[in-house]
Amino acid sequence: MKIRTGFVSNSSSSSFVIKNKKTTAQIAKIMVNIIEEDYKDDGHKGSIWYDKAMDWLALNLDYDKPIIIP
């Protein structure tokens, strides 16, 4: 996950705005839930990594360093 604090023009990455102060793990948990719901909406039963990712995120909500979840 890229974290940017200023304006970036001509960026090829997706952008979103976070209104409340949240840790990287809290943001990742929200994003993983959204991805999983989209995946299920496409007719899939659920991804293999979802439970493992959510378990780790639940135990590390104060984690504030960049993390990568496949």
N, C-alpha and C. Protein backbone atom coordinates (compact mmCIF):
# COMPACT_ATOMS: atom_id res chain seq x y z
N MET A 1 0.85 -1.16 0.00
CA MET A 1 0.00 0.00 0.00
C MET A 1 0.90 1.23 0.00
N LYS A 2 0.63 2.12 -0.92
CA LYS A 2 1.38 3.38 -0.95
C LYS A 2 0.66 4.40 -0.09
N ILE A 3 1.41 5.10 0.71
CA ILE A 3 0.83 6.15 1.54
C ILE A 3 1.37 7.48 1.05
N ARG A 4 0.48 8.37 0.68
CA ARG A 4 0.90 9.68 0.19
C ARG A 4 0.22 10.74 1.03
N THR A 5 0.98 11.75 1.36
CA THR A 5 0.41 12.82 2.17
C THR A 5 0.16 14.09 1.38
N GLY A 6 0.62 14.14 0.15
CA GLY A 6 0.42 15.33 -0.66
C GLY A 6 -0.25 14.99 -1.98
N PHE A 7 -0.40 15.99 -2.81
CA PHE A 7 -1.04 15.82 -4.11
C PHE A 7 -0.06 15.18 -5.08
N VAL A 8 -0.53 14.19 -5.84
CA VAL A 8 0.30 13.53 -6.84
C VAL A 8 -0.44 13.62 -8.17
N SER A 9 0.19 14.23 -9.15
CA SER A 9 -0.46 14.33 -10.46
C SER A 9 0.09 13.23 -11.37
N ASN A 10 -0.72 12.82 -12.32
CA ASN A 10 -0.32 11.83 -13.31
C ASN A 10 0.13 10.52 -12.66
N SER A 11 -0.56 10.10 -11.64
CA SER A 11 -0.22 8.86 -10.94
C SER A 11 -1.00 7.70 -11.55
N SER A 12 -0.34 6.56 -11.72
CA SER A 12 -1.01 5.40 -12.29
C SER A 12 -1.67 4.54 -11.22
N SER A 13 -1.46 4.86 -9.96
CA SER A 13 -2.05 4.06 -8.88
C SER A 13 -3.44 4.60 -8.52
N SER A 14 -4.24 3.76 -7.90
CA SER A 14 -5.57 4.17 -7.45
C SER A 14 -5.44 5.10 -6.25
N SER A 15 -6.42 5.97 -6.08
CA SER A 15 -6.38 6.92 -4.98
C SER A 15 -7.66 6.85 -4.17
N PHE A 16 -7.55 7.17 -2.89
CA PHE A 16 -8.71 7.27 -2.03
C PHE A 16 -8.35 8.20 -0.89
N VAL A 17 -9.37 8.75 -0.25
CA VAL A 17 -9.17 9.69 0.84
C VAL A 17 -9.61 9.04 2.14
N ILE A 18 -8.80 9.19 3.18
CA ILE A 18 -9.13 8.65 4.50
C ILE A 18 -9.38 9.84 5.40
N LYS A 19 -10.61 9.97 5.89
CA LYS A 19 -10.99 11.14 6.66
C LYS A 19 -10.53 11.07 8.12
N ASN A 20 -10.65 9.92 8.74
CA ASN A 20 -10.29 9.80 10.15
C ASN A 20 -8.90 9.20 10.28
N LYS A 21 -8.22 9.53 11.35
CA LYS A 21 -6.89 8.97 11.61
C LYS A 21 -7.02 7.48 11.88
N LYS A 22 -6.44 6.68 11.03
CA LYS A 22 -6.46 5.24 11.19
C LYS A 22 -5.06 4.69 10.95
N THR A 23 -4.78 3.54 11.54
CA THR A 23 -3.50 2.89 11.29
C THR A 23 -3.54 2.18 9.95
N THR A 24 -2.38 1.80 9.46
CA THR A 24 -2.30 1.06 8.21
C THR A 24 -3.10 -0.23 8.29
N ALA A 25 -3.03 -0.94 9.42
CA ALA A 25 -3.76 -2.20 9.58
C ALA A 25 -5.27 -1.97 9.59
N GLN A 26 -5.73 -0.90 10.20
CA GLN A 26 -7.17 -0.60 10.21
C GLN A 26 -7.66 -0.33 8.78
N ILE A 27 -6.89 0.41 8.02
CA ILE A 27 -7.25 0.71 6.64
C ILE A 27 -7.23 -0.58 5.82
N ALA A 28 -6.21 -1.40 6.02
CA ALA A 28 -6.12 -2.67 5.28
C ALA A 28 -7.31 -3.57 5.58
N LYS A 29 -7.76 -3.59 6.83
CA LYS A 29 -8.91 -4.41 7.21
C LYS A 29 -10.16 -3.96 6.45
N ILE A 30 -10.37 -2.68 6.36
CA ILE A 30 -11.50 -2.13 5.61
C ILE A 30 -11.40 -2.52 4.13
N MET A 31 -10.21 -2.37 3.58
CA MET A 31 -10.00 -2.67 2.15
C MET A 31 -10.17 -4.15 1.86
N VAL A 32 -9.66 -5.01 2.74
CA VAL A 32 -9.79 -6.47 2.55
C VAL A 32 -11.26 -6.86 2.56
N ASN A 33 -12.05 -6.26 3.46
CA ASN A 33 -13.48 -6.56 3.51
C ASN A 33 -14.18 -6.14 2.21
N ILE A 34 -13.82 -4.99 1.68
CA ILE A 34 -14.42 -4.53 0.43
C ILE A 34 -14.05 -5.46 -0.72
N ILE A 35 -12.78 -5.84 -0.80
CA ILE A 35 -12.33 -6.75 -1.86
C ILE A 35 -13.04 -8.09 -1.77
N GLU A 36 -13.17 -8.61 -0.55
CA GLU A 36 -13.82 -9.91 -0.35
C GLU A 36 -15.30 -9.84 -0.76
N GLU A 37 -15.98 -8.77 -0.41
CA GLU A 37 -17.38 -8.63 -0.79
C GLU A 37 -17.53 -8.55 -2.31
N ASP A 38 -16.64 -7.82 -2.97
CA ASP A 38 -16.68 -7.75 -4.44
C ASP A 38 -16.43 -9.13 -5.04
N TYR A 39 -15.51 -9.87 -4.45
CA TYR A 39 -15.18 -11.21 -4.93
C TYR A 39 -16.40 -12.13 -4.81
N LYS A 40 -17.09 -12.05 -3.67
CA LYS A 40 -18.30 -12.86 -3.47
C LYS A 40 -19.43 -12.41 -4.40
N ASP A 41 -19.53 -11.11 -4.64
CA ASP A 41 -20.57 -10.60 -5.53
C ASP A 41 -20.39 -11.12 -6.96
N ASP A 42 -19.15 -11.48 -7.30
CA ASP A 42 -18.86 -12.03 -8.63
C ASP A 42 -19.19 -13.52 -8.71
N GLY A 43 -19.74 -14.09 -7.64
CA GLY A 43 -20.16 -15.48 -7.66
C GLY A 43 -19.19 -16.47 -7.03
N HIS A 44 -18.10 -15.98 -6.45
CA HIS A 44 -17.13 -16.86 -5.81
C HIS A 44 -17.55 -17.15 -4.37
N LYS A 45 -17.07 -18.26 -3.82
CA LYS A 45 -17.41 -18.61 -2.44
C LYS A 45 -16.62 -17.79 -1.44
N GLY A 46 -15.45 -17.37 -1.80
CA GLY A 46 -14.58 -16.60 -0.89
C GLY A 46 -13.13 -16.92 -1.19
N SER A 47 -12.27 -15.98 -0.92
CA SER A 47 -10.86 -16.18 -1.22
C SER A 47 -10.17 -16.99 -0.12
N ILE A 48 -9.10 -17.65 -0.49
CA ILE A 48 -8.34 -18.51 0.43
C ILE A 48 -7.63 -17.68 1.50
N TRP A 49 -7.13 -16.53 1.15
CA TRP A 49 -6.30 -15.74 2.05
C TRP A 49 -7.10 -14.86 3.00
N TYR A 50 -8.41 -14.72 2.78
CA TYR A 50 -9.20 -13.77 3.55
C TYR A 50 -9.13 -14.02 5.06
N ASP A 51 -9.42 -15.24 5.50
CA ASP A 51 -9.43 -15.54 6.94
C ASP A 51 -8.08 -15.29 7.59
N LYS A 52 -7.03 -15.71 6.90
CA LYS A 52 -5.68 -15.52 7.45
C LYS A 52 -5.34 -14.03 7.57
N ALA A 53 -5.68 -13.27 6.54
CA ALA A 53 -5.41 -11.82 6.56
C ALA A 53 -6.21 -11.14 7.66
N MET A 54 -7.49 -11.49 7.79
CA MET A 54 -8.33 -10.85 8.80
C MET A 54 -7.89 -11.22 10.22
N ASP A 55 -7.45 -12.45 10.42
CA ASP A 55 -6.93 -12.86 11.73
C ASP A 55 -5.71 -12.03 12.10
N TRP A 56 -4.78 -11.87 11.16
CA TRP A 56 -3.57 -11.10 11.43
C TRP A 56 -3.92 -9.63 11.70
N LEU A 57 -4.79 -9.07 10.88
CA LEU A 57 -5.17 -7.67 11.04
C LEU A 57 -5.88 -7.44 12.38
N ALA A 58 -6.73 -8.36 12.79
CA ALA A 58 -7.44 -8.22 14.07
C ALA A 58 -6.47 -8.19 15.25
N LEU A 59 -5.38 -8.93 15.14
CA LEU A 59 -4.38 -8.98 16.21
C LEU A 59 -3.39 -7.81 16.15
N ASN A 60 -3.38 -7.09 15.05
CA ASN A 60 -2.36 -6.05 14.83
C ASN A 60 -2.96 -4.72 14.40
N LEU A 61 -4.10 -4.35 14.95
CA LEU A 61 -4.77 -3.12 14.52
C LEU A 61 -3.95 -1.86 14.80
N ASP A 62 -2.98 -1.95 15.69
CA ASP A 62 -2.14 -0.78 15.97
C ASP A 62 -0.93 -0.71 15.03
N TYR A 63 -0.77 -1.70 14.16
CA TYR A 63 0.35 -1.75 13.21
C TYR A 63 0.25 -0.60 12.24
N ASP A 64 1.27 0.24 12.18
CA ASP A 64 1.20 1.44 11.37
C ASP A 64 2.32 1.57 10.36
N LYS A 65 2.95 0.44 10.01
CA LYS A 65 3.97 0.44 8.97
C LYS A 65 3.33 -0.08 7.69
N PRO A 66 3.88 0.25 6.52
CA PRO A 66 3.29 -0.26 5.27
C PRO A 66 3.23 -1.79 5.27
N ILE A 67 2.12 -2.34 4.82
CA ILE A 67 1.96 -3.79 4.72
C ILE A 67 1.42 -4.14 3.34
N ILE A 68 1.68 -5.36 2.92
CA ILE A 68 1.19 -5.83 1.62
C ILE A 68 0.35 -7.06 1.87
N ILE A 69 -0.87 -7.06 1.37
CA ILE A 69 -1.76 -8.22 1.45
C ILE A 69 -2.09 -8.58 0.01
N PRO A 70 -1.78 -9.82 -0.39
CA PRO A 70 -2.00 -10.18 -1.81
C PRO A 70 -3.45 -10.09 -2.22
